[in-house]
């Protein structure tokens, strides 16, 4: 007696939950399991079109072009096959945006039409060094399409090298999370985001830069999580008033950090190591520890040991050697 395919007995709603829990490239592979599974991947509510699944940029130009054409064909067929089924998450990672703007527009319109909740658009170049600690003045490659601002169903929006107009985000009534990366962001735009998106709880910046000071003068009650990762702002002052902020995650240069958040629960601080003895480091660390509310969890980096070492070296070389011995 042959084995019974019990998955074929499941209702489509259950199959949708199962296939949606898989990474999209694995969800697509389920269509090869059997004839009954040919259309199951259409039930997934999470769609990811990532050119890196197809293109190897270290290959000759002709091969890269052929791989890109295969990726574009995969996107086109994926949109056609999915039809009008609702989706929760849509992610598009694609370079060469100037040449294939129509394909990008088709993808975004598809996501909006299918009532997407979590939209991620990544137009960064594969040649950019994304792991380097220090910042670069990246310029956004694409502007967010105007029709996206008219859609009010978004709960999460992630834009990488995709510029936006914060003043037009007046319809994002359900938006709870925004992530921005590889672009210039003005402090006025940040304040507009926090003001216009009243449900916003999580604000994330990665490799962003600005000629403005990061000083938010308003009181932002809704913000619960703030992530600043490898960004650069004008001056040596970072100031924000968010009484209900629970999580503060900072990766970057050390300067005057002033957070008015008595409810702070979790703090992660990651500073790059410095060459030589930097006197301002111990001052800013002391001020930060003195002013920072006592979080439940606090994660620090090896920079703290470097500053402590230089401090001990200045006041007592003997204690410095004792400190080093205790670490071995």
C-alpha atoms as a PDB file:
ATOM      1  CA  UNK A   1       0.000   0.000   0.000  1.00  0.00           C
ATOM      2  CA  UNK A   2       1.337   3.409  -0.979  1.00  0.00           C
ATOM      3  CA  UNK A   3       1.867   6.110   1.605  1.00  0.00           C
ATOM      4  CA  UNK A   4      -0.888   8.665   2.047  1.00  0.00           C
ATOM      5  CA  UNK A   5      -0.133  12.309   1.252  1.00  0.00           C
ATOM      6  CA  UNK A   6      -1.867  13.818   4.253  1.00  0.00           C
ATOM      7  CA  UNK A   7      -0.940  17.365   3.191  1.00  0.00           C
ATOM      8  CA  UNK A   8      -3.294  16.997   0.244  1.00  0.00           C
ATOM      9  CA  UNK A   9      -6.127  16.510   2.729  1.00  0.00           C
ATOM     10  CA  UNK A  10      -5.535  19.883   4.383  1.00  0.00           C
ATOM     11  CA  UNK A  11      -7.727  22.883   3.687  1.00  0.00           C
ATOM     12  CA  UNK A  12      -6.223  25.706   1.632  1.00  0.00           C
ATOM     13  CA  UNK A  13      -6.271  28.017   4.648  1.00  0.00           C
ATOM     14  CA  UNK A  14      -3.963  25.636   6.547  1.00  0.00           C
ATOM     15  CA  UNK A  15      -1.715  25.133   3.530  1.00  0.00           C
ATOM     16  CA  UNK A  16      -1.448  28.907   3.248  1.00  0.00           C
ATOM     17  CA  UNK A  17      -0.212  29.136   6.847  1.00  0.00           C
ATOM     18  CA  UNK A  18       2.320  26.346   6.296  1.00  0.00           C
ATOM     19  CA  UNK A  19       3.767  27.645   3.040  1.00  0.00           C
ATOM     20  CA  UNK A  20       3.803  31.247   4.315  1.00  0.00           C
ATOM     21  CA  UNK A  21       6.073  30.185   7.176  1.00  0.00           C
ATOM     22  CA  UNK A  22       8.747  29.140   4.664  1.00  0.00           C
ATOM     23  CA  UNK A  23      11.280  31.461   3.019  1.00  0.00           C
ATOM     24  CA  UNK A  24       9.831  32.412  -0.356  1.00  0.00           C
ATOM     25  CA  UNK A  25      12.454  30.536  -2.381  1.00  0.00           C
ATOM     26  CA  UNK A  26      11.597  27.374  -0.401  1.00  0.00           C
ATOM     27  CA  UNK A  27       7.876  27.994  -0.815  1.00  0.00           C
ATOM     28  CA  UNK A  28       8.401  28.050  -4.587  1.00  0.00           C
ATOM     29  CA  UNK A  29      10.261  24.729  -4.406  1.00  0.00           C
ATOM     30  CA  UNK A  30       7.161  23.023  -2.972  1.00  0.00           C
ATOM     31  CA  UNK A  31       5.626  23.129  -6.452  1.00  0.00           C
ATOM     32  CA  UNK A  32       8.050  20.353  -7.461  1.00  0.00           C
ATOM     33  CA  UNK A  33       6.956  17.967  -4.693  1.00  0.00           C
ATOM     34  CA  UNK A  34       3.992  16.570  -6.585  1.00  0.00           C
ATOM     35  CA  UNK A  35       1.303  17.532  -9.053  1.00  0.00           C
ATOM     36  CA  UNK A  36      -1.021  18.373  -6.168  1.00  0.00           C
ATOM     37  CA  UNK A  37       1.517  20.935  -4.913  1.00  0.00           C
ATOM     38  CA  UNK A  38       1.948  22.800  -8.192  1.00  0.00           C
ATOM     39  CA  UNK A  39      -0.314  25.631  -7.088  1.00  0.00           C
ATOM     40  CA  UNK A  40       0.322  25.566  -3.333  1.00  0.00           C
ATOM     41  CA  UNK A  41       3.043  28.241  -3.526  1.00  0.00           C
ATOM     42  CA  UNK A  42       0.376  30.628  -4.813  1.00  0.00           C
ATOM     43  CA  UNK A  43      -1.163  30.488  -1.341  1.00  0.00           C
ATOM     44  CA  UNK A  44       1.866  32.016   0.369  1.00  0.00           C
ATOM     45  CA  UNK A  45       1.230  35.398   1.943  1.00  0.00           C
ATOM     46  CA  UNK A  46       4.923  36.310   1.999  1.00  0.00           C
ATOM     47  CA  UNK A  47       6.625  37.120  -1.313  1.00  0.00           C
ATOM     48  CA  UNK A  48      10.304  37.931  -1.773  1.00  0.00           C
ATOM     49  CA  UNK A  49      11.892  38.874  -5.088  1.00  0.00           C
ATOM     50  CA  UNK A  50      15.649  39.069  -4.509  1.00  0.00           C
ATOM     51  CA  UNK A  51      18.034  39.348  -7.436  1.00  0.00           C
ATOM     52  CA  UNK A  52      20.829  37.831  -5.337  1.00  0.00           C
ATOM     53  CA  UNK A  53      19.018  34.480  -5.547  1.00  0.00           C
ATOM     54  CA  UNK A  54      19.685  34.559  -9.305  1.00  0.00           C
ATOM     55  CA  UNK A  55      22.619  36.852 -10.050  1.00  0.00           C
ATOM     56  CA  UNK A  56      26.298  36.247  -9.276  1.00  0.00           C
ATOM     57  CA  UNK A  57      27.892  39.660  -9.759  1.00  0.00           C
ATOM     58  CA  UNK A  58      31.426  38.271  -9.925  1.00  0.00           C
ATOM     59  CA  UNK A  59      30.564  36.596 -13.237  1.00  0.00           C
ATOM     60  CA  UNK A  60      31.205  38.100 -16.720  1.00  0.00           C
ATOM     61  CA  UNK A  61      28.788  40.771 -17.893  1.00  0.00           C
ATOM     62  CA  UNK A  62      27.044  38.483 -20.391  1.00  0.00           C
ATOM     63  CA  UNK A  63      26.296  35.903 -17.710  1.00  0.00           C
ATOM     64  CA  UNK A  64      25.079  38.555 -15.263  1.00  0.00           C
ATOM     65  CA  UNK A  65      22.741  39.917 -17.938  1.00  0.00           C
ATOM     66  CA  UNK A  66      21.358  36.434 -18.633  1.00  0.00           C
ATOM     67  CA  UNK A  67      20.836  35.828 -14.910  1.00  0.00           C
ATOM     68  CA  UNK A  68      19.069  39.166 -14.557  1.00  0.00           C
ATOM     69  CA  UNK A  69      16.700  38.304 -17.399  1.00  0.00           C
ATOM     70  CA  UNK A  70      15.882  35.028 -15.642  1.00  0.00           C
ATOM     71  CA  UNK A  71      15.176  36.952 -12.440  1.00  0.00           C
ATOM     72  CA  UNK A  72      12.862  39.402 -14.222  1.00  0.00           C
ATOM     73  CA  UNK A  73      11.026  36.512 -15.875  1.00  0.00           C
ATOM     74  CA  UNK A  74      10.637  34.841 -12.469  1.00  0.00           C
ATOM     75  CA  UNK A  75       9.155  38.049 -11.043  1.00  0.00           C
ATOM     76  CA  UNK A  76       6.718  38.430 -13.910  1.00  0.00           C
ATOM     77  CA  UNK A  77       5.489  34.835 -13.669  1.00  0.00           C
ATOM     78  CA  UNK A  78       5.301  35.043  -9.878  1.00  0.00           C
ATOM     79  CA  UNK A  79       3.009  38.072 -10.050  1.00  0.00           C
ATOM     80  CA  UNK A  80       0.833  36.487 -12.729  1.00  0.00           C
ATOM     81  CA  UNK A  81       0.507  33.179 -10.867  1.00  0.00           C
ATOM     82  CA  UNK A  82      -0.300  34.747  -7.506  1.00  0.00           C
ATOM     83  CA  UNK A  83      -3.209  36.661  -8.955  1.00  0.00           C
ATOM     84  CA  UNK A  84      -5.392  38.562  -6.502  1.00  0.00           C
ATOM     85  CA  UNK A  85      -4.543  36.527  -3.389  1.00  0.00           C
ATOM     86  CA  UNK A  86      -3.867  38.785  -0.408  1.00  0.00           C
ATOM     87  CA  UNK A  87      -0.285  39.066   0.866  1.00  0.00           C
ATOM     88  CA  UNK A  88       1.118  40.052   4.238  1.00  0.00           C
ATOM     89  CA  UNK A  89       4.726  40.774   3.278  1.00  0.00           C
ATOM     90  CA  UNK A  90       6.314  41.828   0.002  1.00  0.00           C
ATOM     91  CA  UNK A  91      10.072  42.304  -0.375  1.00  0.00           C
ATOM     92  CA  UNK A  92      11.916  43.487  -3.491  1.00  0.00           C
ATOM     93  CA  UNK A  93      15.721  43.607  -3.702  1.00  0.00           C
ATOM     94  CA  UNK A  94      16.962  44.897  -7.028  1.00  0.00           C
ATOM     95  CA  UNK A  95      19.710  47.070  -8.504  1.00  0.00           C
ATOM     96  CA  UNK A  96      19.914  48.444 -12.081  1.00  0.00           C
ATOM     97  CA  UNK A  97      16.709  50.296 -11.205  1.00  0.00           C
ATOM     98  CA  UNK A  98      17.116  52.951 -13.906  1.00  0.00           C
ATOM     99  CA  UNK A  99      16.921  50.335 -16.650  1.00  0.00           C
ATOM    100  CA  UNK A 100      14.110  48.256 -15.188  1.00  0.00           C
ATOM    101  CA  UNK A 101      11.894  50.931 -13.625  1.00  0.00           C
ATOM    102  CA  UNK A 102       8.761  49.465 -15.249  1.00  0.00           C
ATOM    103  CA  UNK A 103       9.407  46.072 -13.646  1.00  0.00           C
ATOM    104  CA  UNK A 104       9.877  47.734 -10.263  1.00  0.00           C
ATOM    105  CA  UNK A 105       6.660  49.691 -10.700  1.00  0.00           C
ATOM    106  CA  UNK A 106       4.792  46.506 -11.642  1.00  0.00           C
ATOM    107  CA  UNK A 107       5.986  44.807  -8.452  1.00  0.00           C
ATOM    108  CA  UNK A 108       5.032  47.677  -6.150  1.00  0.00           C
ATOM    109  CA  UNK A 109       1.598  48.088  -7.744  1.00  0.00           C
ATOM    110  CA  UNK A 110       1.040  44.351  -7.345  1.00  0.00           C
ATOM    111  CA  UNK A 111       1.883  44.559  -3.634  1.00  0.00           C
ATOM    112  CA  UNK A 112      -0.432  47.524  -3.044  1.00  0.00           C
ATOM    113  CA  UNK A 113      -3.233  45.948  -5.074  1.00  0.00           C
ATOM    114  CA  UNK A 114      -2.982  42.776  -2.986  1.00  0.00           C
ATOM    115  CA  UNK A 115      -3.246  44.741   0.274  1.00  0.00           C
ATOM    116  CA  UNK A 116       0.289  44.191   1.526  1.00  0.00           C
ATOM    117  CA  UNK A 117       0.962  44.953   5.207  1.00  0.00           C
ATOM    118  CA  UNK A 118       4.774  44.777   5.290  1.00  0.00           C
ATOM    119  CA  UNK A 119       6.544  46.419   2.328  1.00  0.00           C
ATOM    120  CA  UNK A 120      10.328  46.257   1.893  1.00  0.00           C
ATOM    121  CA  UNK A 121      12.119  47.926  -1.035  1.00  0.00           C
ATOM    122  CA  UNK A 122      15.895  47.537  -1.299  1.00  0.00           C
ATOM    123  CA  UNK A 123      17.640  49.285  -4.193  1.00  0.00           C
ATOM    124  CA  UNK A 124      21.168  49.228  -2.799  1.00  0.00           C
ATOM    125  CA  UNK A 125      24.075  48.266  -5.003  1.00  0.00           C
ATOM    126  CA  UNK A 126      25.738  44.873  -4.439  1.00  0.00           C
ATOM    127  CA  UNK A 127      29.097  46.678  -4.687  1.00  0.00           C
ATOM    128  CA  UNK A 128      28.469  48.747  -1.543  1.00  0.00           C
ATOM    129  CA  UNK A 129      30.253  47.669   1.611  1.00  0.00           C
ATOM    130  CA  UNK A 130      27.321  47.139   3.946  1.00  0.00           C
ATOM    131  CA  UNK A 131      29.325  45.714   6.853  1.00  0.00           C
ATOM    132  CA  UNK A 132      31.847  48.537   7.213  1.00  0.00           C
ATOM    133  CA  UNK A 133      31.404  50.291  10.549  1.00  0.00           C
ATOM    134  CA  UNK A 134      31.942  53.822   9.297  1.00  0.00           C
ATOM    135  CA  UNK A 135      29.400  55.751   7.285  1.00  0.00           C
ATOM    136  CA  UNK A 136      29.304  56.905   3.674  1.00  0.00           C
ATOM    137  CA  UNK A 137      27.208  59.677   2.156  1.00  0.00           C
ATOM    138  CA  UNK A 138      24.895  57.389   0.214  1.00  0.00           C
ATOM    139  CA  UNK A 139      22.369  58.916  -2.173  1.00  0.00           C
ATOM    140  CA  UNK A 140      18.969  57.272  -2.647  1.00  0.00           C
ATOM    141  CA  UNK A 141      18.672  55.587  -6.035  1.00  0.00           C
ATOM    142  CA  UNK A 142      14.873  55.569  -6.369  1.00  0.00           C
ATOM    143  CA  UNK A 143      11.979  57.779  -5.243  1.00  0.00           C
ATOM    144  CA  UNK A 144       9.020  56.099  -3.570  1.00  0.00           C
ATOM    145  CA  UNK A 145       6.120  56.008  -6.039  1.00  0.00           C
ATOM    146  CA  UNK A 146       3.355  58.540  -5.410  1.00  0.00           C
ATOM    147  CA  UNK A 147       0.566  55.942  -5.300  1.00  0.00           C
ATOM    148  CA  UNK A 148       2.166  54.278  -2.264  1.00  0.00           C
ATOM    149  CA  UNK A 149       1.308  57.354  -0.179  1.00  0.00           C
ATOM    150  CA  UNK A 150      -2.373  56.856  -1.008  1.00  0.00           C
ATOM    151  CA  UNK A 151      -2.425  53.358   0.492  1.00  0.00           C
ATOM    152  CA  UNK A 152      -3.387  53.194   4.175  1.00  0.00           C
ATOM    153  CA  UNK A 153      -2.918  49.477   4.897  1.00  0.00           C
ATOM    154  CA  UNK A 154       0.824  49.425   5.602  1.00  0.00           C
ATOM    155  CA  UNK A 155       1.963  48.324   9.058  1.00  0.00           C
ATOM    156  CA  UNK A 156       5.684  48.114   8.274  1.00  0.00           C
ATOM    157  CA  UNK A 157       7.722  50.017   5.679  1.00  0.00           C
ATOM    158  CA  UNK A 158      11.404  49.385   4.942  1.00  0.00           C
ATOM    159  CA  UNK A 159      13.160  51.618   2.407  1.00  0.00           C
ATOM    160  CA  UNK A 160      16.812  51.158   1.453  1.00  0.00           C
ATOM    161  CA  UNK A 161      18.242  53.633  -1.062  1.00  0.00           C
ATOM    162  CA  UNK A 162      14.650  54.658  -1.722  1.00  0.00           C
ATOM    163  CA  UNK A 163      13.839  58.296  -1.005  1.00  0.00           C
ATOM    164  CA  UNK A 164      10.484  59.401   0.388  1.00  0.00           C
ATOM    165  CA  UNK A 165       8.467  62.480   1.292  1.00  0.00           C
ATOM    166  CA  UNK A 166       7.560  62.414   4.976  1.00  0.00           C
ATOM    167  CA  UNK A 167       5.045  65.230   4.544  1.00  0.00           C
ATOM    168  CA  UNK A 168       2.997  63.005   2.221  1.00  0.00           C
ATOM    169  CA  UNK A 169       2.768  60.147   4.718  1.00  0.00           C
ATOM    170  CA  UNK A 170      -0.553  61.356   6.069  1.00  0.00           C
ATOM    171  CA  UNK A 171      -2.477  58.196   5.131  1.00  0.00           C
ATOM    172  CA  UNK A 172      -0.224  55.757   6.968  1.00  0.00           C
ATOM    173  CA  UNK A 173      -2.612  55.436   9.899  1.00  0.00           C
ATOM    174  CA  UNK A 174      -1.682  51.790  10.607  1.00  0.00           C
ATOM    175  CA  UNK A 175       2.088  52.116  10.219  1.00  0.00           C
ATOM    176  CA  UNK A 176       3.939  50.801  13.290  1.00  0.00           C
ATOM    177  CA  UNK A 177       7.467  50.318  11.963  1.00  0.00           C
ATOM    178  CA  UNK A 178       9.733  52.270   9.603  1.00  0.00           C
ATOM    179  CA  UNK A 179      13.262  51.277   8.582  1.00  0.00           C
ATOM    180  CA  UNK A 180      15.398  53.593   6.448  1.00  0.00           C
ATOM    181  CA  UNK A 181      18.855  52.947   5.040  1.00  0.00           C
ATOM    182  CA  UNK A 182      21.513  54.167   2.612  1.00  0.00           C
ATOM    183  CA  UNK A 183      20.154  57.673   2.136  1.00  0.00           C
ATOM    184  CA  UNK A 184      20.164  61.217   3.441  1.00  0.00           C
ATOM    185  CA  UNK A 185      17.476  61.880   6.048  1.00  0.00           C
ATOM    186  CA  UNK A 186      16.745  65.350   7.392  1.00  0.00           C
ATOM    187  CA  UNK A 187      15.676  65.918  10.983  1.00  0.00           C
ATOM    188  CA  UNK A 188      12.529  67.621   9.637  1.00  0.00           C
ATOM    189  CA  UNK A 189      11.634  64.406   7.816  1.00  0.00           C
ATOM    190  CA  UNK A 190      12.140  62.373  10.991  1.00  0.00           C
ATOM    191  CA  UNK A 191       9.920  64.724  12.986  1.00  0.00           C
ATOM    192  CA  UNK A 192       7.282  64.596  10.231  1.00  0.00           C
ATOM    193  CA  UNK A 193       7.328  60.795  10.338  1.00  0.00           C
ATOM    194  CA  UNK A 194       6.787  60.757  14.081  1.00  0.00           C
ATOM    195  CA  UNK A 195       4.026  63.363  13.821  1.00  0.00           C
ATOM    196  CA  UNK A 196       2.127  62.032  10.786  1.00  0.00           C
ATOM    197  CA  UNK A 197       2.375  58.334  11.661  1.00  0.00           C
ATOM    198  CA  UNK A 198       0.644  58.369  15.027  1.00  0.00           C
ATOM    199  CA  UNK A 199       0.796  54.569  15.451  1.00  0.00           C
ATOM    200  CA  UNK A 200       4.562  54.446  14.845  1.00  0.00           C
ATOM    201  CA  UNK A 201       6.351  52.379  17.506  1.00  0.00           C
ATOM    202  CA  UNK A 202       9.654  51.386  15.891  1.00  0.00           C
ATOM    203  CA  UNK A 203      12.064  53.680  14.021  1.00  0.00           C
ATOM    204  CA  UNK A 204      15.231  52.225  12.476  1.00  0.00           C
ATOM    205  CA  UNK A 205      18.096  53.917  10.624  1.00  0.00           C
ATOM    206  CA  UNK A 206      20.933  52.071   8.901  1.00  0.00           C
ATOM    207  CA  UNK A 207      23.803  53.859   7.141  1.00  0.00           C
ATOM    208  CA  UNK A 208      21.839  57.112   6.913  1.00  0.00           C
ATOM    209  CA  UNK A 209      23.382  60.571   7.096  1.00  0.00           C
ATOM    210  CA  UNK A 210      22.291  64.148   7.571  1.00  0.00           C
ATOM    211  CA  UNK A 211      23.654  67.677   7.715  1.00  0.00           C
ATOM    212  CA  UNK A 212      21.287  68.316  10.632  1.00  0.00           C
ATOM    213  CA  UNK A 213      21.756  67.724  14.322  1.00  0.00           C
ATOM    214  CA  UNK A 214      19.847  64.736  15.685  1.00  0.00           C
ATOM    215  CA  UNK A 215      17.830  66.762  18.152  1.00  0.00           C
ATOM    216  CA  UNK A 216      14.121  65.949  18.348  1.00  0.00           C
ATOM    217  CA  UNK A 217      12.445  68.740  20.283  1.00  0.00           C
ATOM    218  CA  UNK A 218       8.947  67.283  20.478  1.00  0.00           C
ATOM    219  CA  UNK A 219       7.630  64.673  22.887  1.00  0.00           C
ATOM    220  CA  UNK A 220       6.953  61.429  21.039  1.00  0.00           C
ATOM    221  CA  UNK A 221       4.780  59.235  23.225  1.00  0.00           C
ATOM    222  CA  UNK A 222       4.219  56.399  20.746  1.00  0.00           C
ATOM    223  CA  UNK A 223       7.852  55.558  20.003  1.00  0.00           C
ATOM    224  CA  UNK A 224       8.957  52.351  21.752  1.00  0.00           C
ATOM    225  CA  UNK A 225      12.040  51.268  19.789  1.00  0.00           C
ATOM    226  CA  UNK A 226      14.826  53.338  18.224  1.00  0.00           C
ATOM    227  CA  UNK A 227      17.737  51.862  16.259  1.00  0.00           C
ATOM    228  CA  UNK A 228      20.631  54.007  14.988  1.00  0.00           C
ATOM    229  CA  UNK A 229      23.103  51.815  13.095  1.00  0.00           C
ATOM    230  CA  UNK A 230      26.270  53.226  11.506  1.00  0.00           C
ATOM    231  CA  UNK A 231      24.736  56.631  10.779  1.00  0.00           C
ATOM    232  CA  UNK A 232      26.273  60.095  10.722  1.00  0.00           C
ATOM    233  CA  UNK A 233      24.689  63.373  11.768  1.00  0.00           C
ATOM    234  CA  UNK A 234      26.060  66.891  11.850  1.00  0.00           C
ATOM    235  CA  UNK A 235      27.231  67.513  15.384  1.00  0.00           C
ATOM    236  CA  UNK A 236      28.326  65.639  18.470  1.00  0.00           C
ATOM    237  CA  UNK A 237      24.910  65.735  20.142  1.00  0.00           C
ATOM    238  CA  UNK A 238      22.105  63.179  20.032  1.00  0.00           C
ATOM    239  CA  UNK A 239      18.943  64.195  21.875  1.00  0.00           C
ATOM    240  CA  UNK A 240      15.440  62.710  21.907  1.00  0.00           C
ATOM    241  CA  UNK A 241      12.424  62.934  24.200  1.00  0.00           C
ATOM    242  CA  UNK A 242      10.451  59.678  24.045  1.00  0.00           C
ATOM    243  CA  UNK A 243       8.908  58.915  27.456  1.00  0.00           C
ATOM    244  CA  UNK A 244       7.679  55.447  26.424  1.00  0.00           C
ATOM    245  CA  UNK A 245      10.829  54.288  24.619  1.00  0.00           C
ATOM    246  CA  UNK A 246      11.600  50.697  25.647  1.00  0.00           C
ATOM    247  CA  UNK A 247      14.530  49.736  23.401  1.00  0.00           C
ATOM    248  CA  UNK A 248      17.492  51.874  22.311  1.00  0.00           C
ATOM    249  CA  UNK A 249      19.992  50.230  19.956  1.00  0.00           C
ATOM    250  CA  UNK A 250      22.957  52.369  18.922  1.00  0.00           C
ATOM    251  CA  UNK A 251      25.943  51.474  16.713  1.00  0.00           C
ATOM    252  CA  UNK A 252      28.220  54.372  15.864  1.00  0.00           C
ATOM    253  CA  UNK A 253      30.646  57.001  17.080  1.00  0.00           C
ATOM    254  CA  UNK A 254      30.499  58.068  20.697  1.00  0.00           C
ATOM    255  CA  UNK A 255      29.307  61.583  21.462  1.00  0.00           C
ATOM    256  CA  UNK A 256      26.883  63.378  23.759  1.00  0.00           C
ATOM    257  CA  UNK A 257      23.811  61.120  23.959  1.00  0.00           C
ATOM    258  CA  UNK A 258      20.808  62.506  25.820  1.00  0.00           C
ATOM    259  CA  UNK A 259      17.726  60.267  25.994  1.00  0.00           C
ATOM    260  CA  UNK A 260      14.690  61.352  27.989  1.00  0.00           C
ATOM    261  CA  UNK A 261      13.096  57.929  28.366  1.00  0.00           C
ATOM    262  CA  UNK A 262      12.331  56.872  31.951  1.00  0.00           C
ATOM    263  CA  UNK A 263      10.668  53.653  30.724  1.00  0.00           C
ATOM    264  CA  UNK A 264      13.811  52.418  28.953  1.00  0.00           C
ATOM    265  CA  UNK A 265      14.092  48.632  29.335  1.00  0.00           C
ATOM    266  CA  UNK A 266      16.829  47.500  26.953  1.00  0.00           C
ATOM    267  CA  UNK A 267      19.964  49.303  25.736  1.00  0.00           C
ATOM    268  CA  UNK A 268      22.569  48.113  23.243  1.00  0.00           C
ATOM    269  CA  UNK A 269      25.625  50.346  22.740  1.00  0.00           C
ATOM    270  CA  UNK A 270      28.297  49.537  20.156  1.00  0.00           C
ATOM    271  CA  UNK A 271      31.102  52.052  19.538  1.00  0.00           C
ATOM    272  CA  UNK A 272      34.079  51.562  17.160  1.00  0.00           C
ATOM    273  CA  UNK A 273      37.511  51.221  18.723  1.00  0.00           C
ATOM    274  CA  UNK A 274      39.662  54.344  18.588  1.00  0.00           C
ATOM    275  CA  UNK A 275      43.356  54.776  17.901  1.00  0.00           C
ATOM    276  CA  UNK A 276      45.253  56.161  20.841  1.00  0.00           C
ATOM    277  CA  UNK A 277      43.847  57.647  24.003  1.00  0.00           C
ATOM    278  CA  UNK A 278      40.731  59.709  23.383  1.00  0.00           C
ATOM    279  CA  UNK A 279      40.018  61.864  26.417  1.00  0.00           C
ATOM    280  CA  UNK A 280      36.478  62.685  25.364  1.00  0.00           C
ATOM    281  CA  UNK A 281      35.548  58.982  25.393  1.00  0.00           C
ATOM    282  CA  UNK A 282      35.635  58.594  29.170  1.00  0.00           C
ATOM    283  CA  UNK A 283      33.780  61.897  29.610  1.00  0.00           C
ATOM    284  CA  UNK A 284      30.911  60.932  27.308  1.00  0.00           C
ATOM    285  CA  UNK A 285      30.693  57.431  28.760  1.00  0.00           C
ATOM    286  CA  UNK A 286      30.542  58.792  32.290  1.00  0.00           C
ATOM    287  CA  UNK A 287      27.858  61.292  31.314  1.00  0.00           C
ATOM    288  CA  UNK A 288      25.846  58.631  29.478  1.00  0.00           C
ATOM    289  CA  UNK A 289      25.921  56.233  32.420  1.00  0.00           C
ATOM    290  CA  UNK A 290      25.015  59.006  34.838  1.00  0.00           C
ATOM    291  CA  UNK A 291      22.056  60.304  32.819  1.00  0.00           C
ATOM    292  CA  UNK A 292      20.759  57.051  31.341  1.00  0.00           C
ATOM    293  CA  UNK A 293      17.763  55.501  33.132  1.00  0.00           C
ATOM    294  CA  UNK A 294      18.560  52.088  34.615  1.00  0.00           C
ATOM    295  CA  UNK A 295      17.535  49.565  31.925  1.00  0.00           C
ATOM    296  CA  UNK A 296      16.751  45.939  32.686  1.00  0.00           C
ATOM    297  CA  UNK A 297      19.204  44.761  30.016  1.00  0.00           C
ATOM    298  CA  UNK A 298      22.294  46.640  28.871  1.00  0.00           C
ATOM    299  CA  UNK A 299      24.714  45.286  26.253  1.00  0.00           C
ATOM    300  CA  UNK A 300      28.036  47.046  25.719  1.00  0.00           C
ATOM    301  CA  UNK A 301      31.005  46.582  23.372  1.00  0.00           C
ATOM    302  CA  UNK A 302      34.760  46.217  23.817  1.00  0.00           C
ATOM    303  CA  UNK A 303      35.167  49.984  23.430  1.00  0.00           C
ATOM    304  CA  UNK A 304      34.172  50.291  27.071  1.00  0.00           C
ATOM    305  CA  UNK A 305      37.184  48.170  28.042  1.00  0.00           C
ATOM    306  CA  UNK A 306      39.420  50.354  25.884  1.00  0.00           C
ATOM    307  CA  UNK A 307      38.258  53.537  27.610  1.00  0.00           C
ATOM    308  CA  UNK A 308      38.573  51.924  31.035  1.00  0.00           C
ATOM    309  CA  UNK A 309      42.092  50.779  30.183  1.00  0.00           C
ATOM    310  CA  UNK A 310      43.188  54.286  29.128  1.00  0.00           C
ATOM    311  CA  UNK A 311      41.567  55.749  32.234  1.00  0.00           C
ATOM    312  CA  UNK A 312      43.426  53.347  34.531  1.00  0.00           C
ATOM    313  CA  UNK A 313      46.649  53.934  32.620  1.00  0.00           C
ATOM    314  CA  UNK A 314      46.424  57.656  33.318  1.00  0.00           C
ATOM    315  CA  UNK A 315      45.688  57.404  37.030  1.00  0.00           C
ATOM    316  CA  UNK A 316      47.624  54.265  37.946  1.00  0.00           C
ATOM    317  CA  UNK A 317      49.744  52.107  35.614  1.00  0.00           C
ATOM    318  CA  UNK A 318      49.861  49.386  38.284  1.00  0.00           C
ATOM    319  CA  UNK A 319      46.066  49.133  38.439  1.00  0.00           C
ATOM    320  CA  UNK A 320      46.056  49.064  34.660  1.00  0.00           C
ATOM    321  CA  UNK A 321      48.231  45.941  34.604  1.00  0.00           C
ATOM    322  CA  UNK A 322      46.061  44.348  37.300  1.00  0.00           C
ATOM    323  CA  UNK A 323      43.038  45.061  35.119  1.00  0.00           C
ATOM    324  CA  UNK A 324      44.674  43.446  32.082  1.00  0.00           C
ATOM    325  CA  UNK A 325      45.698  40.399  34.128  1.00  0.00           C
ATOM    326  CA  UNK A 326      42.100  39.947  35.335  1.00  0.00           C
ATOM    327  CA  UNK A 327      40.917  39.657  31.726  1.00  0.00           C
ATOM    328  CA  UNK A 328      43.261  36.780  30.892  1.00  0.00           C
END
